[in-house]
């Protein structure tokens, strides 16, 4: 149980940091990213961390 809480916390911090970074790098006037390749990598890891958080939340609510 403690391990799931720790992993949820870690993935939550990762999601917050990457979400803020993606928001800062996005140019709303041109609707592009400053560094598209890096933004793609950030997006993949951001979505993976959100997926893990949702997966852990569903397992916790099912019990």
N, C-alpha and C. Protein backbone atom coordinates (compact mmCIF):
# COMPACT_ATOMS: atom_id res chain seq x y z
N UNK A 1 0.82 -1.19 0.00
CA UNK A 1 0.00 0.00 0.00
C UNK A 1 0.87 1.26 0.00
N UNK A 2 1.92 1.23 0.80
CA UNK A 2 2.81 2.38 0.87
C UNK A 2 3.51 2.63 -0.47
N UNK A 3 3.83 1.56 -1.19
CA UNK A 3 4.53 1.69 -2.47
C UNK A 3 3.63 2.39 -3.49
N UNK A 4 2.34 2.11 -3.50
CA UNK A 4 1.42 2.74 -4.44
C UNK A 4 1.27 4.22 -4.15
N UNK A 5 1.26 4.58 -2.86
CA UNK A 5 1.18 5.99 -2.49
C UNK A 5 2.43 6.73 -2.94
N UNK A 6 3.58 6.10 -2.77
CA UNK A 6 4.83 6.74 -3.16
C UNK A 6 4.92 6.91 -4.66
N UNK A 7 4.50 5.89 -5.43
CA UNK A 7 4.55 6.01 -6.88
C UNK A 7 3.54 7.03 -7.39
N UNK A 8 2.38 7.10 -6.74
CA UNK A 8 1.39 8.11 -7.13
C UNK A 8 1.92 9.51 -6.89
N UNK A 9 2.61 9.69 -5.78
CA UNK A 9 3.18 11.00 -5.46
C UNK A 9 4.25 11.39 -6.48
N UNK A 10 5.11 10.45 -6.82
CA UNK A 10 6.19 10.71 -7.78
C UNK A 10 5.61 11.05 -9.15
N UNK A 11 4.67 10.25 -9.62
CA UNK A 11 4.07 10.51 -10.93
C UNK A 11 3.23 11.79 -10.92
N UNK A 12 2.66 12.15 -9.78
CA UNK A 12 1.94 13.40 -9.67
C UNK A 12 2.87 14.60 -9.81
N UNK A 13 4.03 14.53 -9.16
CA UNK A 13 5.02 15.60 -9.27
C UNK A 13 5.54 15.70 -10.70
N UNK A 14 5.79 14.57 -11.33
CA UNK A 14 6.26 14.57 -12.72
C UNK A 14 5.22 15.21 -13.63
N UNK A 15 3.95 14.87 -13.44
CA UNK A 15 2.88 15.43 -14.27
C UNK A 15 2.77 16.94 -14.08
N UNK A 16 2.89 17.41 -12.86
CA UNK A 16 2.81 18.85 -12.60
C UNK A 16 3.96 19.60 -13.26
N UNK A 17 5.17 19.08 -13.11
CA UNK A 17 6.35 19.74 -13.68
C UNK A 17 6.27 19.76 -15.21
N UNK A 18 5.95 18.62 -15.81
CA UNK A 18 5.90 18.57 -17.27
C UNK A 18 4.73 19.37 -17.84
N UNK A 19 3.61 19.39 -17.14
CA UNK A 19 2.48 20.20 -17.59
C UNK A 19 2.83 21.68 -17.59
N UNK A 20 3.49 22.12 -16.54
CA UNK A 20 3.90 23.53 -16.47
C UNK A 20 4.94 23.85 -17.54
N UNK A 21 5.85 22.94 -17.78
CA UNK A 21 6.88 23.15 -18.80
C UNK A 21 6.26 23.23 -20.20
N UNK A 22 5.34 22.34 -20.48
CA UNK A 22 4.66 22.38 -21.79
C UNK A 22 3.88 23.68 -21.96
N UNK A 23 3.24 24.13 -20.90
CA UNK A 23 2.48 25.38 -20.96
C UNK A 23 3.40 26.57 -21.22
N UNK A 24 4.56 26.57 -20.58
CA UNK A 24 5.50 27.68 -20.76
C UNK A 24 6.12 27.69 -22.15
N UNK A 25 6.36 26.53 -22.73
CA UNK A 25 7.00 26.45 -24.04
C UNK A 25 6.04 26.71 -25.19
N UNK A 26 4.73 26.67 -24.95
CA UNK A 26 3.76 26.83 -26.02
C UNK A 26 3.57 28.31 -26.34
N UNK A 27 3.68 28.66 -27.62
CA UNK A 27 3.46 30.03 -28.08
C UNK A 27 2.02 30.14 -28.56
N UNK A 28 1.20 30.88 -27.82
CA UNK A 28 -0.23 30.95 -28.12
C UNK A 28 -0.53 31.81 -29.35
N UNK A 29 0.37 32.71 -29.71
CA UNK A 29 0.15 33.54 -30.90
C UNK A 29 0.35 32.73 -32.18
N UNK A 30 1.41 31.95 -32.22
CA UNK A 30 1.72 31.14 -33.40
C UNK A 30 1.16 29.72 -33.32
N UNK A 31 0.68 29.34 -32.13
CA UNK A 31 0.17 27.99 -31.86
C UNK A 31 1.22 26.92 -32.17
N UNK A 32 2.44 27.16 -31.73
CA UNK A 32 3.54 26.20 -31.89
C UNK A 32 4.35 26.13 -30.60
N UNK A 33 5.21 25.14 -30.54
CA UNK A 33 6.14 25.00 -29.42
C UNK A 33 7.48 25.59 -29.82
N UNK A 34 8.23 26.08 -28.83
CA UNK A 34 9.56 26.62 -29.09
C UNK A 34 10.50 25.52 -29.60
N UNK A 35 10.46 24.37 -28.94
CA UNK A 35 11.29 23.23 -29.32
C UNK A 35 10.37 22.02 -29.52
N UNK A 36 9.94 21.77 -30.76
CA UNK A 36 8.94 20.72 -31.00
C UNK A 36 9.38 19.31 -30.61
N UNK A 37 10.63 18.97 -30.84
CA UNK A 37 11.08 17.61 -30.51
C UNK A 37 11.06 17.39 -29.00
N UNK A 38 11.51 18.36 -28.26
CA UNK A 38 11.50 18.25 -26.81
C UNK A 38 10.08 18.27 -26.27
N UNK A 39 9.21 19.04 -26.89
CA UNK A 39 7.81 19.08 -26.48
C UNK A 39 7.13 17.73 -26.73
N UNK A 40 7.49 17.05 -27.80
CA UNK A 40 6.93 15.73 -28.07
C UNK A 40 7.34 14.74 -26.99
N UNK A 41 8.60 14.78 -26.58
CA UNK A 41 9.08 13.90 -25.52
C UNK A 41 8.38 14.22 -24.20
N UNK A 42 8.27 15.50 -23.88
CA UNK A 42 7.57 15.92 -22.66
C UNK A 42 6.12 15.45 -22.69
N UNK A 43 5.47 15.55 -23.84
CA UNK A 43 4.07 15.16 -23.96
C UNK A 43 3.88 13.66 -23.73
N UNK A 44 4.78 12.87 -24.27
CA UNK A 44 4.70 11.41 -24.10
C UNK A 44 4.84 11.03 -22.64
N UNK A 45 5.83 11.61 -21.96
CA UNK A 45 6.05 11.29 -20.55
C UNK A 45 4.91 11.84 -19.69
N UNK A 46 4.40 13.02 -20.04
CA UNK A 46 3.27 13.62 -19.33
C UNK A 46 2.04 12.72 -19.43
N UNK A 47 1.72 12.26 -20.62
CA UNK A 47 0.56 11.39 -20.81
C UNK A 47 0.74 10.05 -20.11
N UNK A 48 1.97 9.52 -20.11
CA UNK A 48 2.24 8.27 -19.41
C UNK A 48 2.04 8.43 -17.91
N UNK A 49 2.49 9.53 -17.35
CA UNK A 49 2.33 9.74 -15.91
C UNK A 49 0.85 9.93 -15.55
N UNK A 50 0.09 10.62 -16.39
CA UNK A 50 -1.35 10.77 -16.16
C UNK A 50 -2.03 9.40 -16.24
N UNK A 51 -1.63 8.56 -17.21
CA UNK A 51 -2.18 7.22 -17.33
C UNK A 51 -1.93 6.39 -16.07
N UNK A 52 -0.72 6.45 -15.54
CA UNK A 52 -0.38 5.71 -14.32
C UNK A 52 -1.20 6.22 -13.14
N UNK A 53 -1.37 7.53 -13.04
CA UNK A 53 -2.16 8.09 -11.95
C UNK A 53 -3.61 7.63 -12.02
N UNK A 54 -4.19 7.63 -13.20
CA UNK A 54 -5.58 7.19 -13.36
C UNK A 54 -5.70 5.70 -13.07
N UNK A 55 -4.74 4.92 -13.54
CA UNK A 55 -4.74 3.48 -13.31
C UNK A 55 -4.68 3.17 -11.81
N UNK A 56 -3.82 3.88 -11.07
CA UNK A 56 -3.72 3.67 -9.63
C UNK A 56 -4.98 4.14 -8.91
N UNK A 57 -5.60 5.20 -9.38
CA UNK A 57 -6.81 5.69 -8.75
C UNK A 57 -7.97 4.71 -8.94
N UNK A 58 -8.06 4.10 -10.11
CA UNK A 58 -9.13 3.12 -10.37
C UNK A 58 -8.93 1.88 -9.51
N UNK A 59 -7.68 1.44 -9.34
CA UNK A 59 -7.42 0.26 -8.50
C UNK A 59 -7.76 0.55 -7.05
N UNK A 60 -7.48 1.76 -6.59
CA UNK A 60 -7.76 2.12 -5.21
C UNK A 60 -9.24 2.25 -4.93
N UNK A 61 -10.01 2.73 -5.89
CA UNK A 61 -11.45 2.91 -5.68
C UNK A 61 -12.20 1.58 -5.83
N UNK A 62 -11.63 0.61 -6.52
CA UNK A 62 -12.29 -0.67 -6.71
C UNK A 62 -12.26 -1.50 -5.43
N UNK A 63 -11.27 -1.27 -4.58
CA UNK A 63 -11.16 -2.06 -3.35
C UNK A 63 -12.04 -1.56 -2.28
